Amino acid sequence: MTTTQINVILCSILETLDETPGGSPESILYLAAQQHVPDVDWGQIVYVLTSSRLVTSENHRMKIADRGRGIAKMSRDFRAKAVRA
């Protein structure tokens, strides 16, 4: 995976979780990521998200943490500006 692919997956997951109050099963997030990047290293993605405390993962269910909400908002704002440009 390239750095760009990793960043796209991370931001997509954070934005999705920010819109899903109860969190999401990891399997659903994995399948969505795999559609865009077939060789996704899911273990690496989960490690980055959990070790940086952007999400919590319990019983294979991810929930966004406060730190993750901030990045999700920045990602949405950046995308909105890029679309307007």
N, C-alpha and C. Protein backbone atom coordinates (compact mmCIF):
# COMPACT_ATOMS: atom_id res chain seq x y z
N MET A 1 0.85 -1.18 0.00
CA MET A 1 0.00 0.00 0.00
C MET A 1 0.88 1.24 0.00
N THR A 2 0.42 2.25 -0.69
CA THR A 2 1.14 3.51 -0.70
C THR A 2 0.66 4.37 0.48
N THR A 3 1.42 5.39 0.78
CA THR A 3 1.04 6.31 1.86
C THR A 3 -0.30 6.97 1.55
N THR A 4 -0.50 7.33 0.30
CA THR A 4 -1.77 7.95 -0.09
C THR A 4 -2.94 7.00 0.14
N GLN A 5 -2.77 5.74 -0.25
CA GLN A 5 -3.83 4.75 -0.05
C GLN A 5 -4.13 4.58 1.44
N ILE A 6 -3.10 4.53 2.26
CA ILE A 6 -3.29 4.39 3.70
C ILE A 6 -4.06 5.59 4.24
N ASN A 7 -3.67 6.79 3.83
CA ASN A 7 -4.34 8.00 4.31
C ASN A 7 -5.80 8.04 3.89
N VAL A 8 -6.09 7.63 2.66
CA VAL A 8 -7.48 7.61 2.17
C VAL A 8 -8.30 6.64 3.01
N ILE A 9 -7.76 5.46 3.26
CA ILE A 9 -8.48 4.47 4.06
C ILE A 9 -8.70 4.98 5.48
N LEU A 10 -7.66 5.54 6.10
CA LEU A 10 -7.80 6.03 7.48
C LEU A 10 -8.86 7.13 7.57
N CYS A 11 -8.81 8.09 6.66
CA CYS A 11 -9.79 9.18 6.69
C CYS A 11 -11.20 8.66 6.40
N SER A 12 -11.32 7.73 5.48
CA SER A 12 -12.63 7.17 5.17
C SER A 12 -13.23 6.45 6.37
N ILE A 13 -12.40 5.69 7.07
CA ILE A 13 -12.88 4.99 8.26
C ILE A 13 -13.28 5.98 9.34
N LEU A 14 -12.46 6.99 9.57
CA LEU A 14 -12.78 7.97 10.61
C LEU A 14 -14.06 8.74 10.28
N GLU A 15 -14.23 9.13 9.03
CA GLU A 15 -15.45 9.84 8.65
C GLU A 15 -16.68 8.95 8.81
N THR A 16 -16.54 7.70 8.42
CA THR A 16 -17.65 6.75 8.55
C THR A 16 -18.02 6.56 10.01
N LEU A 17 -17.02 6.33 10.85
CA LEU A 17 -17.30 6.11 12.27
C LEU A 17 -17.87 7.35 12.94
N ASP A 18 -17.46 8.52 12.46
CA ASP A 18 -17.98 9.77 13.03
C ASP A 18 -19.48 9.91 12.74
N GLU A 19 -19.94 9.30 11.66
CA GLU A 19 -21.36 9.37 11.30
C GLU A 19 -22.15 8.18 11.84
N THR A 20 -21.48 7.29 12.58
CA THR A 20 -22.11 6.07 13.08
C THR A 20 -21.95 6.03 14.60
N PRO A 21 -22.90 6.59 15.36
CA PRO A 21 -22.75 6.71 16.81
C PRO A 21 -22.43 5.41 17.55
N GLY A 22 -22.99 4.31 17.12
CA GLY A 22 -22.75 3.04 17.81
C GLY A 22 -21.51 2.30 17.35
N GLY A 23 -20.77 2.90 16.44
CA GLY A 23 -19.60 2.23 15.89
C GLY A 23 -20.00 1.32 14.74
N SER A 24 -19.04 0.52 14.29
CA SER A 24 -19.27 -0.35 13.15
C SER A 24 -18.46 -1.63 13.31
N PRO A 25 -18.99 -2.74 12.82
CA PRO A 25 -18.19 -3.97 12.83
C PRO A 25 -16.95 -3.79 11.95
N GLU A 26 -15.81 -4.28 12.43
CA GLU A 26 -14.58 -4.15 11.65
C GLU A 26 -14.72 -4.82 10.29
N SER A 27 -15.49 -5.89 10.21
CA SER A 27 -15.62 -6.61 8.93
C SER A 27 -16.21 -5.73 7.85
N ILE A 28 -17.16 -4.88 8.20
CA ILE A 28 -17.77 -3.97 7.22
C ILE A 28 -16.74 -2.94 6.75
N LEU A 29 -15.98 -2.40 7.68
CA LEU A 29 -14.96 -1.41 7.33
C LEU A 29 -13.87 -2.06 6.47
N TYR A 30 -13.50 -3.28 6.82
CA TYR A 30 -12.48 -4.00 6.06
C TYR A 30 -12.95 -4.23 4.62
N LEU A 31 -14.18 -4.68 4.45
CA LEU A 31 -14.70 -4.94 3.10
C LEU A 31 -14.73 -3.66 2.26
N ALA A 32 -15.11 -2.56 2.87
CA ALA A 32 -15.13 -1.28 2.15
C ALA A 32 -13.71 -0.87 1.75
N ALA A 33 -12.76 -1.02 2.65
CA ALA A 33 -11.37 -0.67 2.36
C ALA A 33 -10.82 -1.56 1.25
N GLN A 34 -11.16 -2.83 1.29
CA GLN A 34 -10.65 -3.78 0.31
C GLN A 34 -11.19 -3.49 -1.10
N GLN A 35 -12.36 -2.89 -1.18
CA GLN A 35 -12.91 -2.53 -2.49
C GLN A 35 -12.04 -1.49 -3.19
N HIS A 36 -11.42 -0.61 -2.42
CA HIS A 36 -10.59 0.46 -2.98
C HIS A 36 -9.13 0.06 -3.08
N VAL A 37 -8.66 -0.74 -2.15
CA VAL A 37 -7.26 -1.17 -2.12
C VAL A 37 -7.25 -2.68 -1.85
N PRO A 38 -7.25 -3.48 -2.92
CA PRO A 38 -7.35 -4.93 -2.75
C PRO A 38 -6.27 -5.55 -1.87
N ASP A 39 -5.08 -4.97 -1.84
CA ASP A 39 -4.01 -5.54 -1.02
C ASP A 39 -3.88 -4.87 0.34
N VAL A 40 -5.00 -4.36 0.86
CA VAL A 40 -4.99 -3.66 2.14
C VAL A 40 -4.46 -4.56 3.26
N ASP A 41 -3.57 -4.01 4.06
CA ASP A 41 -3.06 -4.72 5.24
C ASP A 41 -3.92 -4.27 6.42
N TRP A 42 -5.00 -4.99 6.66
CA TRP A 42 -5.97 -4.58 7.66
C TRP A 42 -5.36 -4.48 9.05
N GLY A 43 -4.47 -5.40 9.37
CA GLY A 43 -3.81 -5.35 10.68
C GLY A 43 -3.06 -4.05 10.88
N GLN A 44 -2.41 -3.56 9.83
CA GLN A 44 -1.68 -2.30 9.90
C GLN A 44 -2.65 -1.14 10.11
N ILE A 45 -3.75 -1.16 9.40
CA ILE A 45 -4.74 -0.08 9.54
C ILE A 45 -5.30 -0.04 10.96
N VAL A 46 -5.69 -1.19 11.49
CA VAL A 46 -6.23 -1.26 12.85
C VAL A 46 -5.17 -0.81 13.86
N TYR A 47 -3.93 -1.23 13.66
CA TYR A 47 -2.86 -0.84 14.58
C TYR A 47 -2.69 0.68 14.61
N VAL A 48 -2.65 1.30 13.44
CA VAL A 48 -2.47 2.76 13.37
C VAL A 48 -3.62 3.47 14.07
N LEU A 49 -4.85 3.05 13.78
CA LEU A 49 -6.01 3.71 14.37
C LEU A 49 -6.09 3.54 15.88
N THR A 50 -5.81 2.33 16.37
CA THR A 50 -5.93 2.08 17.81
C THR A 50 -4.73 2.59 18.60
N SER A 51 -3.54 2.42 18.06
CA SER A 51 -2.35 2.85 18.81
C SER A 51 -2.26 4.37 18.91
N SER A 52 -2.83 5.07 17.93
CA SER A 52 -2.84 6.54 17.99
C SER A 52 -4.08 7.06 18.71
N ARG A 53 -4.87 6.13 19.25
CA ARG A 53 -6.07 6.45 20.03
C ARG A 53 -7.10 7.27 19.25
N LEU A 54 -7.19 6.97 17.94
CA LEU A 54 -8.22 7.61 17.11
C LEU A 54 -9.53 6.85 17.20
N VAL A 55 -9.43 5.54 17.44
CA VAL A 55 -10.61 4.69 17.60
C VAL A 55 -10.37 3.71 18.74
N THR A 56 -11.45 3.11 19.18
CA THR A 56 -11.35 1.98 20.10
C THR A 56 -11.87 0.76 19.36
N SER A 57 -11.32 -0.38 19.69
CA SER A 57 -11.76 -1.62 19.05
C SER A 57 -12.01 -2.64 20.15
N GLU A 58 -13.24 -3.09 20.24
CA GLU A 58 -13.61 -4.07 21.25
C GLU A 58 -14.57 -5.07 20.61
N ASN A 59 -14.25 -6.34 20.76
CA ASN A 59 -15.07 -7.41 20.17
C ASN A 59 -15.27 -7.21 18.66
N HIS A 60 -14.20 -6.80 17.98
CA HIS A 60 -14.20 -6.58 16.53
C HIS A 60 -15.20 -5.51 16.11
N ARG A 61 -15.43 -4.54 16.97
CA ARG A 61 -16.31 -3.40 16.66
C ARG A 61 -15.52 -2.13 16.95
N MET A 62 -15.47 -1.24 15.98
CA MET A 62 -14.73 0.02 16.14
C MET A 62 -15.68 1.16 16.48
N LYS A 63 -15.20 2.00 17.36
CA LYS A 63 -15.90 3.24 17.70
C LYS A 63 -14.89 4.37 17.65
N ILE A 64 -15.33 5.51 17.21
CA ILE A 64 -14.43 6.65 17.09
C ILE A 64 -14.19 7.27 18.46
N ALA A 65 -12.96 7.73 18.67
CA ALA A 65 -12.59 8.43 19.90
C ALA A 65 -12.59 9.94 19.61
N ASP A 66 -12.49 10.74 20.65
CA ASP A 66 -12.51 12.20 20.47
C ASP A 66 -11.42 12.67 19.52
N ARG A 67 -10.21 12.09 19.64
CA ARG A 67 -9.11 12.47 18.73
C ARG A 67 -9.48 12.17 17.29
N GLY A 68 -10.14 11.05 17.07
CA GLY A 68 -10.56 10.66 15.73
C GLY A 68 -11.60 11.60 15.16
N ARG A 69 -12.48 12.10 16.02
CA ARG A 69 -13.52 13.05 15.56
C ARG A 69 -12.88 14.31 14.99
N GLY A 70 -11.84 14.78 15.65
CA GLY A 70 -11.14 15.98 15.17
C GLY A 70 -10.55 15.77 13.78
N ILE A 71 -9.94 14.63 13.55
CA ILE A 71 -9.35 14.34 12.25
C ILE A 71 -10.44 14.12 11.20
N ALA A 72 -11.53 13.48 11.59
CA ALA A 72 -12.64 13.28 10.65
C ALA A 72 -13.19 14.64 10.19
N LYS A 73 -13.30 15.57 11.12
CA LYS A 73 -13.80 16.91 10.77
C LYS A 73 -12.82 17.61 9.83
N MET A 74 -11.52 17.53 10.13
CA MET A 74 -10.53 18.15 9.25
C MET A 74 -10.58 17.54 7.85
N SER A 75 -10.76 16.23 7.79
CA SER A 75 -10.83 15.54 6.50
C SER A 75 -12.05 16.00 5.70
N ARG A 76 -13.20 16.07 6.36
CA ARG A 76 -14.42 16.54 5.68
C ARG A 76 -14.26 17.97 5.20
N ASP A 77 -13.71 18.84 6.06
CA ASP A 77 -13.52 20.24 5.69
C ASP A 77 -12.57 20.37 4.50
N PHE A 78 -11.48 19.60 4.51
CA PHE A 78 -10.52 19.64 3.42
C PHE A 78 -11.17 19.19 2.11
N ARG A 79 -11.93 18.11 2.17
CA ARG A 79 -12.60 17.59 0.99
C ARG A 79 -13.62 18.59 0.45
N ALA A 80 -14.34 19.26 1.36
CA ALA A 80 -15.34 20.25 0.94
C ALA A 80 -14.65 21.42 0.22
N LYS A 81 -13.52 21.86 0.72
CA LYS A 81 -12.77 22.96 0.07
C LYS A 81 -12.25 22.52 -1.29
N ALA A 82 -11.79 21.29 -1.39
CA ALA A 82 -11.24 20.78 -2.66
C ALA A 82 -12.34 20.68 -3.71
N VAL A 83 -13.55 20.32 -3.30
CA VAL A 83 -14.65 20.19 -4.24
C VAL A 83 -15.06 21.56 -4.77
N ARG A 84 -15.02 22.58 -3.91
CA ARG A 84 -15.41 23.93 -4.30
C ARG A 84 -14.38 24.58 -5.22
N ALA A 85 -13.13 24.15 -5.12
CA ALA A 85 -12.05 24.79 -5.88
C ALA A 85 -12.11 24.48 -7.36
